[in-house]
C-alpha cells in the first residue's frame, strides 16, 4: 500500500475537501468518520433522485468506486472514498492521522463489520443509474448496521431519505434541513454539502428558523405543519456540475 509521508508536501496533494486539513483530521475520531460516510451515502441517493443533480451523484459515485476497493490510500480520492478507506484499513495513512479518541476508536473497530460488497453495490447502482427505492432501503439499512450507526437523527434521516420519491415536500425539507445542520456542525468542508446546499436553495428544501421540538427526530407531529405554511417552490435552475471540479476530472493515480 502506497504511503506518502516521506514525500515533501504530500498533504498539499490531498484533493478531498473534508480531509485536506491534516490538523483538522487529528480532531476526528472513528465515530465521526463512520457518520460522515453514512451521511454522504444518503446524500448521494437524494441527489440521484433530483433531476438537476442526478448526473452529479452518478459521477461522484463512479469516482468513489473507481479503485474497486477501499484498502489503498489515495490522495485523489473523494471525501467518501477516504472515509471508507479509514473504516476499512485501520493501519492506513489517514486512519493513523485521526487520534481524537484512540481508545474509543479501538472499541468501535470491534463493532464495525464493513461489508465492502454491500457498499460497492450501492455505489455501482447509483453510478449506473439503476438504483431503486427498494435497493436503497435494503442497502442503506445494511450499511447502517455495518457502520454501527447509533445517532437517532441519522437513523431517522435514513428512513425518510430511502423513500425520497414518495415522501412529501415538507418531509423532504425536514430531511435536507437536518442533513445540512449535521454537515455544517460536524464537517462543513464536505464536498457533497455544496450540492445539498444548492438543492436546498433551488428546490426550497431548506427550512430557515427553528424546527418544532416535536419534529426533532423527523417525526410527523402537527406543530411544524401548523407553524409553517407549505414551502413556496423555487424554480430549479440548472445547477453547475462543474463544482465537482478536479475531484471528478483529475487523472487517477496508478493502482
C-alpha atoms as a PDB file:
ATOM      1  CA  UNK A   1       0.000   0.000   0.000  1.00  0.00           C
ATOM      2  CA  UNK A   2       1.394   3.335  -1.068  1.00  0.00           C
ATOM      3  CA  UNK A   3       2.240   5.803   1.668  1.00  0.00           C
ATOM      4  CA  UNK A   4       3.189   9.429   1.153  1.00  0.00           C
ATOM      5  CA  UNK A   5       4.582  10.770   4.408  1.00  0.00           C
ATOM      6  CA  UNK A   6       8.124  10.608   3.060  1.00  0.00           C
ATOM      7  CA  UNK A   7       7.230  12.970   0.227  1.00  0.00           C
ATOM      8  CA  UNK A   8       7.734  16.679   0.933  1.00  0.00           C
ATOM      9  CA  UNK A   9       4.398  18.473   0.839  1.00  0.00           C
ATOM     10  CA  UNK A  10       2.391  15.260   0.393  1.00  0.00           C
ATOM     11  CA  UNK A  11      -0.503  16.762   2.356  1.00  0.00           C
ATOM     12  CA  UNK A  12      -0.841  19.500  -0.266  1.00  0.00           C
ATOM     13  CA  UNK A  13      -1.736  16.818  -2.822  1.00  0.00           C
ATOM     14  CA  UNK A  14      -4.875  15.723  -0.971  1.00  0.00           C
ATOM     15  CA  UNK A  15      -7.846  16.532  -3.188  1.00  0.00           C
ATOM     16  CA  UNK A  16     -10.580  15.732  -0.682  1.00  0.00           C
ATOM     17  CA  UNK A  17     -12.070  18.912   0.778  1.00  0.00           C
ATOM     18  CA  UNK A  18     -13.015  17.225   4.019  1.00  0.00           C
ATOM     19  CA  UNK A  19      -9.643  15.593   4.692  1.00  0.00           C
ATOM     20  CA  UNK A  20      -7.336  18.211   3.201  1.00  0.00           C
ATOM     21  CA  UNK A  21      -6.524  19.847   6.537  1.00  0.00           C
ATOM     22  CA  UNK A  22      -4.304  17.433   8.471  1.00  0.00           C
ATOM     23  CA  UNK A  23      -4.721  19.312  11.750  1.00  0.00           C
ATOM     24  CA  UNK A  24      -8.492  19.006  11.344  1.00  0.00           C
ATOM     25  CA  UNK A  25      -8.176  15.260  10.706  1.00  0.00           C
ATOM     26  CA  UNK A  26      -6.416  14.875  14.051  1.00  0.00           C
ATOM     27  CA  UNK A  27      -9.537  16.223  15.746  1.00  0.00           C
ATOM     28  CA  UNK A  28     -11.684  13.417  14.324  1.00  0.00           C
ATOM     29  CA  UNK A  29     -12.458  10.011  15.737  1.00  0.00           C
ATOM     30  CA  UNK A  30     -13.754   6.834  14.108  1.00  0.00           C
ATOM     31  CA  UNK A  31     -17.338   7.621  15.113  1.00  0.00           C
ATOM     32  CA  UNK A  32     -17.148  10.891  13.186  1.00  0.00           C
ATOM     33  CA  UNK A  33     -15.795   9.129  10.110  1.00  0.00           C
ATOM     34  CA  UNK A  34     -18.483   6.423  10.126  1.00  0.00           C
ATOM     35  CA  UNK A  35     -21.210   9.060  10.479  1.00  0.00           C
ATOM     36  CA  UNK A  36     -19.688  11.147   7.662  1.00  0.00           C
ATOM     37  CA  UNK A  37     -19.593   8.127   5.346  1.00  0.00           C
ATOM     38  CA  UNK A  38     -23.204   7.217   6.125  1.00  0.00           C
ATOM     39  CA  UNK A  39     -24.425  10.781   5.591  1.00  0.00           C
ATOM     40  CA  UNK A  40     -22.561  11.010   2.267  1.00  0.00           C
ATOM     41  CA  UNK A  41     -24.124   7.738   1.096  1.00  0.00           C
ATOM     42  CA  UNK A  42     -27.597   9.047   1.952  1.00  0.00           C
ATOM     43  CA  UNK A  43     -26.829  12.350   0.223  1.00  0.00           C
ATOM     44  CA  UNK A  44     -25.916  10.527  -2.968  1.00  0.00           C
ATOM     45  CA  UNK A  45     -29.308   8.809  -3.087  1.00  0.00           C
ATOM     46  CA  UNK A  46     -31.148  12.099  -2.544  1.00  0.00           C
ATOM     47  CA  UNK A  47     -29.107  13.869  -5.226  1.00  0.00           C
ATOM     48  CA  UNK A  48     -29.610  10.926  -7.574  1.00  0.00           C
ATOM     49  CA  UNK A  49     -33.378  11.329  -7.282  1.00  0.00           C
ATOM     50  CA  UNK A  50     -33.337  15.029  -8.172  1.00  0.00           C
ATOM     51  CA  UNK A  51     -33.200  15.653 -11.925  1.00  0.00           C
ATOM     52  CA  UNK A  52     -30.781  18.568 -11.668  1.00  0.00           C
ATOM     53  CA  UNK A  53     -28.356  16.576  -9.538  1.00  0.00           C
ATOM     54  CA  UNK A  54     -28.649  13.035 -10.889  1.00  0.00           C
ATOM     55  CA  UNK A  55     -25.564  13.326 -13.089  1.00  0.00           C
ATOM     56  CA  UNK A  56     -23.532  14.750 -10.198  1.00  0.00           C
ATOM     57  CA  UNK A  57     -24.499  11.828  -7.965  1.00  0.00           C
ATOM     58  CA  UNK A  58     -23.674   9.259 -10.655  1.00  0.00           C
ATOM     59  CA  UNK A  59     -20.282  10.814 -11.379  1.00  0.00           C
ATOM     60  CA  UNK A  60     -19.386  11.121  -7.703  1.00  0.00           C
ATOM     61  CA  UNK A  61     -20.347   7.503  -7.040  1.00  0.00           C
ATOM     62  CA  UNK A  62     -18.334   6.400 -10.069  1.00  0.00           C
ATOM     63  CA  UNK A  63     -15.287   8.376  -8.940  1.00  0.00           C
ATOM     64  CA  UNK A  64     -15.545   6.929  -5.427  1.00  0.00           C
ATOM     65  CA  UNK A  65     -15.821   3.341  -6.649  1.00  0.00           C
ATOM     66  CA  UNK A  66     -13.291   3.669  -9.469  1.00  0.00           C
ATOM     67  CA  UNK A  67     -10.499   1.991  -7.469  1.00  0.00           C
ATOM     68  CA  UNK A  68     -12.802  -1.002  -6.774  1.00  0.00           C
ATOM     69  CA  UNK A  69     -11.779  -1.278  -3.135  1.00  0.00           C
ATOM     70  CA  UNK A  70     -11.045   0.996  -0.218  1.00  0.00           C
ATOM     71  CA  UNK A  71      -7.872  -0.607   1.090  1.00  0.00           C
ATOM     72  CA  UNK A  72      -5.444   1.758  -0.641  1.00  0.00           C
ATOM     73  CA  UNK A  73      -4.543   5.276   0.418  1.00  0.00           C
ATOM     74  CA  UNK A  74      -5.462   7.592  -2.467  1.00  0.00           C
ATOM     75  CA  UNK A  75      -4.640  11.265  -2.285  1.00  0.00           C
ATOM     76  CA  UNK A  76      -7.069  11.957  -5.136  1.00  0.00           C
ATOM     77  CA  UNK A  77      -9.933  10.048  -3.530  1.00  0.00           C
ATOM     78  CA  UNK A  78     -13.258  11.707  -2.772  1.00  0.00           C
ATOM     79  CA  UNK A  79     -14.326  12.531   0.781  1.00  0.00           C
ATOM     80  CA  UNK A  80     -16.384   9.359   0.765  1.00  0.00           C
ATOM     81  CA  UNK A  81     -13.504   7.238  -0.537  1.00  0.00           C
ATOM     82  CA  UNK A  82     -11.202   8.408   2.248  1.00  0.00           C
ATOM     83  CA  UNK A  83     -13.877   7.876   4.909  1.00  0.00           C
ATOM     84  CA  UNK A  84     -14.389   4.316   3.663  1.00  0.00           C
ATOM     85  CA  UNK A  85     -10.616   3.789   3.494  1.00  0.00           C
ATOM     86  CA  UNK A  86     -10.298   4.802   7.155  1.00  0.00           C
ATOM     87  CA  UNK A  87     -13.100   2.413   8.098  1.00  0.00           C
ATOM     88  CA  UNK A  88     -11.699  -0.454   6.018  1.00  0.00           C
ATOM     89  CA  UNK A  89      -7.990  -0.086   6.802  1.00  0.00           C
ATOM     90  CA  UNK A  90      -7.043   0.649  10.430  1.00  0.00           C
ATOM     91  CA  UNK A  91      -3.336   0.767   9.515  1.00  0.00           C
ATOM     92  CA  UNK A  92      -3.644   3.202   6.593  1.00  0.00           C
ATOM     93  CA  UNK A  93      -2.190   6.698   6.458  1.00  0.00           C
ATOM     94  CA  UNK A  94      -5.469   8.504   7.134  1.00  0.00           C
ATOM     95  CA  UNK A  95      -6.509   6.057   9.855  1.00  0.00           C
ATOM     96  CA  UNK A  96      -3.273   6.791  11.685  1.00  0.00           C
ATOM     97  CA  UNK A  97      -3.939  10.534  11.494  1.00  0.00           C
ATOM     98  CA  UNK A  98      -7.229  10.553  13.379  1.00  0.00           C
ATOM     99  CA  UNK A  99      -6.453  10.498  17.083  1.00  0.00           C
ATOM    100  CA  UNK A 100      -9.174  12.323  18.980  1.00  0.00           C
ATOM    101  CA  UNK A 101     -10.308   9.219  20.911  1.00  0.00           C
ATOM    102  CA  UNK A 102      -7.930   6.320  20.185  1.00  0.00           C
ATOM    103  CA  UNK A 103      -9.189   4.065  22.989  1.00  0.00           C
ATOM    104  CA  UNK A 104     -12.814   4.554  21.981  1.00  0.00           C
ATOM    105  CA  UNK A 105     -11.839   4.007  18.347  1.00  0.00           C
ATOM    106  CA  UNK A 106     -10.337   0.637  19.235  1.00  0.00           C
ATOM    107  CA  UNK A 107     -13.624  -0.407  20.821  1.00  0.00           C
ATOM    108  CA  UNK A 108     -15.661   0.805  17.849  1.00  0.00           C
ATOM    109  CA  UNK A 109     -13.380  -1.093  15.453  1.00  0.00           C
ATOM    110  CA  UNK A 110     -14.533  -4.320  17.088  1.00  0.00           C
ATOM    111  CA  UNK A 111     -18.159  -3.386  16.392  1.00  0.00           C
ATOM    112  CA  UNK A 112     -17.693  -2.413  12.748  1.00  0.00           C
ATOM    113  CA  UNK A 113     -18.403  -5.074  10.144  1.00  0.00           C
ATOM    114  CA  UNK A 114     -17.789  -3.116   6.971  1.00  0.00           C
ATOM    115  CA  UNK A 115     -19.033  -5.314   4.141  1.00  0.00           C
ATOM    116  CA  UNK A 116     -17.387  -3.763   1.105  1.00  0.00           C
ATOM    117  CA  UNK A 117     -19.548  -5.658  -1.448  1.00  0.00           C
ATOM    118  CA  UNK A 118     -22.641  -4.011   0.065  1.00  0.00           C
ATOM    119  CA  UNK A 119     -21.164  -0.521  -0.279  1.00  0.00           C
ATOM    120  CA  UNK A 120     -19.782  -1.278  -3.734  1.00  0.00           C
ATOM    121  CA  UNK A 121     -23.181  -2.476  -4.933  1.00  0.00           C
ATOM    122  CA  UNK A 122     -24.845   0.670  -3.622  1.00  0.00           C
ATOM    123  CA  UNK A 123     -22.346   2.926  -5.381  1.00  0.00           C
ATOM    124  CA  UNK A 124     -22.382   0.873  -8.583  1.00  0.00           C
ATOM    125  CA  UNK A 125     -26.174   1.094  -8.804  1.00  0.00           C
ATOM    126  CA  UNK A 126     -26.048   4.886  -8.453  1.00  0.00           C
ATOM    127  CA  UNK A 127     -23.162   5.199 -10.921  1.00  0.00           C
ATOM    128  CA  UNK A 128     -25.065   3.045 -13.448  1.00  0.00           C
ATOM    129  CA  UNK A 129     -28.374   4.904 -12.915  1.00  0.00           C
ATOM    130  CA  UNK A 130     -30.077   1.692 -11.795  1.00  0.00           C
ATOM    131  CA  UNK A 131     -30.796   2.074  -8.092  1.00  0.00           C
ATOM    132  CA  UNK A 132     -34.413   1.693  -6.935  1.00  0.00           C
ATOM    133  CA  UNK A 133     -36.140   2.687  -3.718  1.00  0.00           C
ATOM    134  CA  UNK A 134     -36.133  -0.965  -2.660  1.00  0.00           C
ATOM    135  CA  UNK A 135     -32.388  -1.209  -3.333  1.00  0.00           C
ATOM    136  CA  UNK A 136     -31.765   1.929  -1.286  1.00  0.00           C
ATOM    137  CA  UNK A 137     -33.915   0.729   1.615  1.00  0.00           C
ATOM    138  CA  UNK A 138     -32.213  -2.656   1.807  1.00  0.00           C
ATOM    139  CA  UNK A 139     -28.642  -1.484   1.266  1.00  0.00           C
ATOM    140  CA  UNK A 140     -28.748   1.615   3.468  1.00  0.00           C
ATOM    141  CA  UNK A 141     -30.193  -0.398   6.355  1.00  0.00           C
ATOM    142  CA  UNK A 142     -27.398  -2.965   5.984  1.00  0.00           C
ATOM    143  CA  UNK A 143     -24.782  -0.215   5.865  1.00  0.00           C
ATOM    144  CA  UNK A 144     -26.317   1.486   8.910  1.00  0.00           C
ATOM    145  CA  UNK A 145     -25.865  -1.730  10.861  1.00  0.00           C
ATOM    146  CA  UNK A 146     -22.390  -2.400   9.481  1.00  0.00           C
ATOM    147  CA  UNK A 147     -21.195   1.078  10.442  1.00  0.00           C
ATOM    148  CA  UNK A 148     -22.827   0.726  13.869  1.00  0.00           C
ATOM    149  CA  UNK A 149     -24.747   3.968  13.388  1.00  0.00           C
ATOM    150  CA  UNK A 150     -26.219   4.928  16.755  1.00  0.00           C
ATOM    151  CA  UNK A 151     -27.306   8.554  16.222  1.00  0.00           C
ATOM    152  CA  UNK A 152     -31.144   8.505  16.216  1.00  0.00           C
ATOM    153  CA  UNK A 153     -31.219  11.532  13.927  1.00  0.00           C
ATOM    154  CA  UNK A 154     -29.141   9.753  11.270  1.00  0.00           C
ATOM    155  CA  UNK A 155     -31.398   6.716  11.555  1.00  0.00           C
ATOM    156  CA  UNK A 156     -34.488   8.910  11.103  1.00  0.00           C
ATOM    157  CA  UNK A 157     -32.901  10.667   8.122  1.00  0.00           C
ATOM    158  CA  UNK A 158     -32.198   7.302   6.505  1.00  0.00           C
ATOM    159  CA  UNK A 159     -35.773   6.084   6.975  1.00  0.00           C
ATOM    160  CA  UNK A 160     -37.219   9.081   5.156  1.00  0.00           C
ATOM    161  CA  UNK A 161     -34.480   9.538   2.552  1.00  0.00           C
ATOM    162  CA  UNK A 162     -34.777   5.978   1.248  1.00  0.00           C
ATOM    163  CA  UNK A 163     -38.406   6.798   0.323  1.00  0.00           C
ATOM    164  CA  UNK A 164     -37.447  10.054  -1.381  1.00  0.00           C
ATOM    165  CA  UNK A 165     -39.652   9.560  -4.426  1.00  0.00           C
ATOM    166  CA  UNK A 166     -42.825   9.137  -2.365  1.00  0.00           C
ATOM    167  CA  UNK A 167     -42.428  11.487   0.609  1.00  0.00           C
ATOM    168  CA  UNK A 168     -43.928  14.974   0.710  1.00  0.00           C
ATOM    169  CA  UNK A 169     -42.262  18.320   0.111  1.00  0.00           C
ATOM    170  CA  UNK A 170     -42.367  19.027   3.829  1.00  0.00           C
ATOM    171  CA  UNK A 171     -40.751  15.705   4.676  1.00  0.00           C
ATOM    172  CA  UNK A 172     -38.032  16.353   2.094  1.00  0.00           C
ATOM    173  CA  UNK A 173     -37.446  19.757   3.636  1.00  0.00           C
ATOM    174  CA  UNK A 174     -37.091  18.233   7.098  1.00  0.00           C
ATOM    175  CA  UNK A 175     -34.584  15.688   5.811  1.00  0.00           C
ATOM    176  CA  UNK A 176     -32.457  18.195   3.880  1.00  0.00           C
ATOM    177  CA  UNK A 177     -32.528  20.745   6.700  1.00  0.00           C
ATOM    178  CA  UNK A 178     -31.399  18.184   9.274  1.00  0.00           C
ATOM    179  CA  UNK A 179     -28.671  16.927   6.952  1.00  0.00           C
ATOM    180  CA  UNK A 180     -27.408  20.451   6.299  1.00  0.00           C
ATOM    181  CA  UNK A 181     -27.334  21.111  10.045  1.00  0.00           C
ATOM    182  CA  UNK A 182     -25.370  17.919  10.629  1.00  0.00           C
ATOM    183  CA  UNK A 183     -22.864  18.674   7.863  1.00  0.00           C
ATOM    184  CA  UNK A 184     -22.328  22.266   8.961  1.00  0.00           C
ATOM    185  CA  UNK A 185     -21.826  21.304  12.582  1.00  0.00           C
ATOM    186  CA  UNK A 186     -19.597  18.280  12.044  1.00  0.00           C
ATOM    187  CA  UNK A 187     -17.889  18.680   8.670  1.00  0.00           C
ATOM    188  CA  UNK A 188     -18.540  21.995   6.959  1.00  0.00           C
ATOM    189  CA  UNK A 189     -15.908  21.338   4.268  1.00  0.00           C
ATOM    190  CA  UNK A 190     -17.760  18.324   2.862  1.00  0.00           C
ATOM    191  CA  UNK A 191     -17.825  18.035  -0.928  1.00  0.00           C
ATOM    192  CA  UNK A 192     -21.445  16.880  -1.004  1.00  0.00           C
ATOM    193  CA  UNK A 193     -22.549  19.670   1.337  1.00  0.00           C
ATOM    194  CA  UNK A 194     -22.081  22.108  -1.561  1.00  0.00           C
ATOM    195  CA  UNK A 195     -24.581  20.227  -3.732  1.00  0.00           C
ATOM    196  CA  UNK A 196     -27.054  19.647  -0.923  1.00  0.00           C
ATOM    197  CA  UNK A 197     -26.996  23.392  -0.189  1.00  0.00           C
ATOM    198  CA  UNK A 198     -27.729  24.143  -3.849  1.00  0.00           C
ATOM    199  CA  UNK A 199     -30.572  21.636  -3.759  1.00  0.00           C
ATOM    200  CA  UNK A 200     -31.987  23.182  -0.595  1.00  0.00           C
ATOM    201  CA  UNK A 201     -31.861  26.649  -2.123  1.00  0.00           C
ATOM    202  CA  UNK A 202     -33.173  25.857  -5.582  1.00  0.00           C
ATOM    203  CA  UNK A 203     -35.929  23.440  -4.573  1.00  0.00           C
ATOM    204  CA  UNK A 204     -36.999  25.154  -1.361  1.00  0.00           C
ATOM    205  CA  UNK A 205     -35.878  22.204   0.750  1.00  0.00           C
ATOM    206  CA  UNK A 206     -34.111  24.151   3.487  1.00  0.00           C
ATOM    207  CA  UNK A 207     -36.188  25.364   6.426  1.00  0.00           C
ATOM    208  CA  UNK A 208     -34.949  28.643   7.882  1.00  0.00           C
ATOM    209  CA  UNK A 209     -35.750  29.203  11.533  1.00  0.00           C
ATOM    210  CA  UNK A 210     -36.400  26.801  14.397  1.00  0.00           C
ATOM    211  CA  UNK A 211     -37.921  23.394  13.781  1.00  0.00           C
ATOM    212  CA  UNK A 212     -40.755  22.331  16.089  1.00  0.00           C
ATOM    213  CA  UNK A 213     -39.406  20.297  19.001  1.00  0.00           C
ATOM    214  CA  UNK A 214     -41.894  17.538  18.271  1.00  0.00           C
ATOM    215  CA  UNK A 215     -40.163  17.055  14.948  1.00  0.00           C
ATOM    216  CA  UNK A 216     -36.643  16.938  16.311  1.00  0.00           C
ATOM    217  CA  UNK A 217     -36.359  13.312  15.240  1.00  0.00           C
ATOM    218  CA  UNK A 218     -38.023  13.987  11.861  1.00  0.00           C
ATOM    219  CA  UNK A 219     -41.358  12.686  13.078  1.00  0.00           C
ATOM    220  CA  UNK A 220     -44.709  13.864  11.830  1.00  0.00           C
ATOM    221  CA  UNK A 221     -46.180  15.922  14.655  1.00  0.00           C
ATOM    222  CA  UNK A 222     -48.565  18.759  13.744  1.00  0.00           C
ATOM    223  CA  UNK A 223     -46.561  21.649  15.176  1.00  0.00           C
ATOM    224  CA  UNK A 224     -44.371  22.480  12.219  1.00  0.00           C
ATOM    225  CA  UNK A 225     -47.149  21.976   9.701  1.00  0.00           C
ATOM    226  CA  UNK A 226     -49.314  24.493  11.536  1.00  0.00           C
ATOM    227  CA  UNK A 227     -46.494  26.932  12.169  1.00  0.00           C
ATOM    228  CA  UNK A 228     -45.159  26.957   8.650  1.00  0.00           C
ATOM    229  CA  UNK A 229     -47.292  27.251   5.559  1.00  0.00           C
ATOM    230  CA  UNK A 230     -46.396  24.961   2.672  1.00  0.00           C
ATOM    231  CA  UNK A 231     -42.996  25.983   1.396  1.00  0.00           C
ATOM    232  CA  UNK A 232     -43.003  28.086  -1.705  1.00  0.00           C
ATOM    233  CA  UNK A 233     -41.480  26.143  -4.533  1.00  0.00           C
ATOM    234  CA  UNK A 234     -38.445  27.720  -6.106  1.00  0.00           C
ATOM    235  CA  UNK A 235     -37.967  27.030  -9.781  1.00  0.00           C
ATOM    236  CA  UNK A 236     -34.986  24.801 -10.109  1.00  0.00           C
ATOM    237  CA  UNK A 237     -32.397  26.176 -12.464  1.00  0.00           C
ATOM    238  CA  UNK A 238     -29.503  24.341 -13.905  1.00  0.00           C
ATOM    239  CA  UNK A 239     -27.079  23.585 -11.109  1.00  0.00           C
ATOM    240  CA  UNK A 240     -23.491  23.545 -12.266  1.00  0.00           C
ATOM    241  CA  UNK A 241     -21.932  20.134 -12.086  1.00  0.00           C
ATOM    242  CA  UNK A 242     -18.692  21.955 -12.704  1.00  0.00           C
ATOM    243  CA  UNK A 243     -18.454  22.371  -8.950  1.00  0.00           C
ATOM    244  CA  UNK A 244     -17.106  18.877  -8.757  1.00  0.00           C
ATOM    245  CA  UNK A 245     -14.007  20.372 -10.331  1.00  0.00           C
ATOM    246  CA  UNK A 246     -10.906  18.306 -10.381  1.00  0.00           C
ATOM    247  CA  UNK A 247     -12.384  15.896  -7.824  1.00  0.00           C
ATOM    248  CA  UNK A 248     -14.079  14.190 -10.761  1.00  0.00           C
ATOM    249  CA  UNK A 249     -11.735  15.086 -13.599  1.00  0.00           C
ATOM    250  CA  UNK A 250      -8.265  14.627 -12.117  1.00  0.00           C
ATOM    251  CA  UNK A 251      -6.398  11.631 -13.501  1.00  0.00           C
ATOM    252  CA  UNK A 252      -6.302   8.676 -11.157  1.00  0.00           C
ATOM    253  CA  UNK A 253      -3.130   7.517  -9.500  1.00  0.00           C
ATOM    254  CA  UNK A 254      -1.639   4.262 -10.611  1.00  0.00           C
ATOM    255  CA  UNK A 255      -3.480   1.454  -8.890  1.00  0.00           C
END
